[in-house]
C-alpha atoms as a PDB file:
ATOM      1  CA  MET A   1      -8.812  16.398   3.823  1.00  0.00           C
ATOM      2  CA  SER A   2      -8.398  16.303   0.642  1.00  0.00           C
ATOM      3  CA  HIS A   3      -9.789  13.437  -1.687  1.00  0.00           C
ATOM      4  CA  LEU A   4      -5.959  12.235  -2.151  1.00  0.00           C
ATOM      5  CA  SER A   5      -4.980  12.090   1.702  1.00  0.00           C
ATOM      6  CA  ARG A   6      -8.172  10.262   1.763  1.00  0.00           C
ATOM      7  CA  THR A   7      -7.034   7.982  -0.852  1.00  0.00           C
ATOM      8  CA  VAL A   8      -3.497   7.526   1.302  1.00  0.00           C
ATOM      9  CA  PHE A   9      -5.675   7.202   4.870  1.00  0.00           C
ATOM     10  CA  ALA A  10      -7.635   4.422   3.099  1.00  0.00           C
ATOM     11  CA  THR A  11      -4.555   2.683   1.406  1.00  0.00           C
ATOM     12  CA  MET A  12      -3.118   2.199   5.018  1.00  0.00           C
ATOM     13  CA  ARG A  13      -6.122   0.744   6.300  1.00  0.00           C
ATOM     14  CA  GLN A  14      -6.853  -1.583   3.600  1.00  0.00           C
ATOM     15  CA  MET A  15      -2.922  -2.893   4.424  1.00  0.00           C
ATOM     16  CA  GLY A  16      -4.189  -3.711   7.864  1.00  0.00           C
ATOM     17  CA  ARG A  17      -2.125  -1.060   9.299  1.00  0.00           C
ATOM     18  CA  ALA A  18      -2.574   2.152  11.692  1.00  0.00           C
ATOM     19  CA  TYR A  19       0.301   4.830  11.727  1.00  0.00           C
ATOM     20  CA  PRO A  20      -1.093   6.905  14.203  1.00  0.00           C
ATOM     21  CA  ALA A  21       1.651   9.440  14.221  1.00  0.00           C
ATOM     22  CA  LEU A  22       1.749   9.624  10.536  1.00  0.00           C
ATOM     23  CA  GLU A  23      -2.082   9.904   9.708  1.00  0.00           C
ATOM     24  CA  PRO A  24      -2.413  13.657  10.696  1.00  0.00           C
ATOM     25  CA  ALA A  25       0.219  14.403   9.246  1.00  0.00           C
ATOM     26  CA  LEU A  26      -1.181  13.495   5.909  1.00  0.00           C
ATOM     27  CA  GLU A  27      -3.326  17.292   6.239  1.00  0.00           C
ATOM     28  CA  THR A  28      -0.518  18.880   5.677  1.00  0.00           C
ATOM     29  CA  MET A  29       1.307  17.190   2.824  1.00  0.00           C
ATOM     30  CA  THR A  30       1.177  18.778  -0.476  1.00  0.00           C
ATOM     31  CA  GLU A  31      -0.244  16.891  -3.135  1.00  0.00           C
ATOM     32  CA  PRO A  32       3.214  15.673  -4.837  1.00  0.00           C
ATOM     33  CA  GLN A  33       4.117  14.480  -1.120  1.00  0.00           C
ATOM     34  CA  LEU A  34       0.590  12.470  -1.100  1.00  0.00           C
ATOM     35  CA  GLN A  35       1.186  11.151  -4.149  1.00  0.00           C
ATOM     36  CA  ASP A  36       4.539   9.381  -3.637  1.00  0.00           C
ATOM     37  CA  MET A  37       3.446   8.275  -0.581  1.00  0.00           C
ATOM     38  CA  LEU A  38       0.303   6.468  -2.301  1.00  0.00           C
ATOM     39  CA  ARG A  39       2.775   5.623  -5.064  1.00  0.00           C
ATOM     40  CA  LEU A  40       5.104   3.922  -2.243  1.00  0.00           C
ATOM     41  CA  MET A  41       2.509   2.111  -0.493  1.00  0.00           C
ATOM     42  CA  ARG A  42       1.109   0.517  -4.039  1.00  0.00           C
ATOM     43  CA  ASP A  43       4.838  -0.197  -4.696  1.00  0.00           C
ATOM     44  CA  VAL A  44       4.872  -2.079  -1.164  1.00  0.00           C
ATOM     45  CA  GLN A  45       2.069  -3.841  -2.120  1.00  0.00           C
ATOM     46  CA  GLU A  46       3.477  -4.878  -5.524  1.00  0.00           C
ATOM     47  CA  SER A  47       6.399  -6.284  -3.926  1.00  0.00           C
ATOM     48  CA  GLU A  48       4.962  -8.227  -1.416  1.00  0.00           C
ATOM     49  CA  LYS A  49       2.423  -9.619  -3.702  1.00  0.00           C
ATOM     50  CA  GLY A  50       5.599 -10.603  -6.284  1.00  0.00           C
ATOM     51  CA  ARG A  51       7.245 -12.385  -2.969  1.00  0.00           C
ATOM     52  CA  MET A  52       4.065 -14.159  -2.030  1.00  0.00           C
ATOM     53  CA  GLN A  53       3.526 -15.351  -5.588  1.00  0.00           C
ATOM     54  CA  GLY A  54       7.289 -16.731  -5.515  1.00  0.00           C
ATOM     55  CA  ARG A  55       7.167 -18.484  -2.722  1.00  0.00           C
ATOM     56  CA  MET A  56       3.948 -20.320  -3.765  1.00  0.00           C
ATOM     57  CA  SER A  57       5.624 -21.224  -6.995  1.00  0.00           C
ATOM     58  CA  ARG A  58       8.071 -22.606  -5.245  1.00  0.00           C
ATOM     59  CA  MET A  59       6.263 -24.823  -3.419  1.00  0.00           C
ATOM     60  CA  GLY A  60       4.128 -25.485  -6.657  1.00  0.00           C
ATOM     61  CA  ILE A  61       0.936 -23.878  -6.281  1.00  0.00           C
ATOM     62  CA  PRO A  62      -0.191 -22.747  -9.437  1.00  0.00           C
ATOM     63  CA  ARG A  63       0.507 -18.863  -9.921  1.00  0.00           C
ATOM     64  CA  GLY A  64      -3.228 -17.823 -10.585  1.00  0.00           C
ATOM     65  CA  MET A  65      -4.316 -19.020  -7.268  1.00  0.00           C
ATOM     66  CA  ILE A  66      -3.385 -15.732  -5.764  1.00  0.00           C
ATOM     67  CA  ARG A  67      -4.315 -12.387  -6.933  1.00  0.00           C
END
């Protein structure tokens, strides 16, 4: 397993998710595919972070309370 595929795998787990059908495919993905997968997951994380910050802002909670 390459360093990049391990990073993708670790990012999945950090998100609290397991994808048993997708994880074996990481070993066969090309580097550009793995980079896109990692970029996609990070975009989703940023989107979720922004959504939660907006929700907290509407509740009157200061923006610095969530990272």
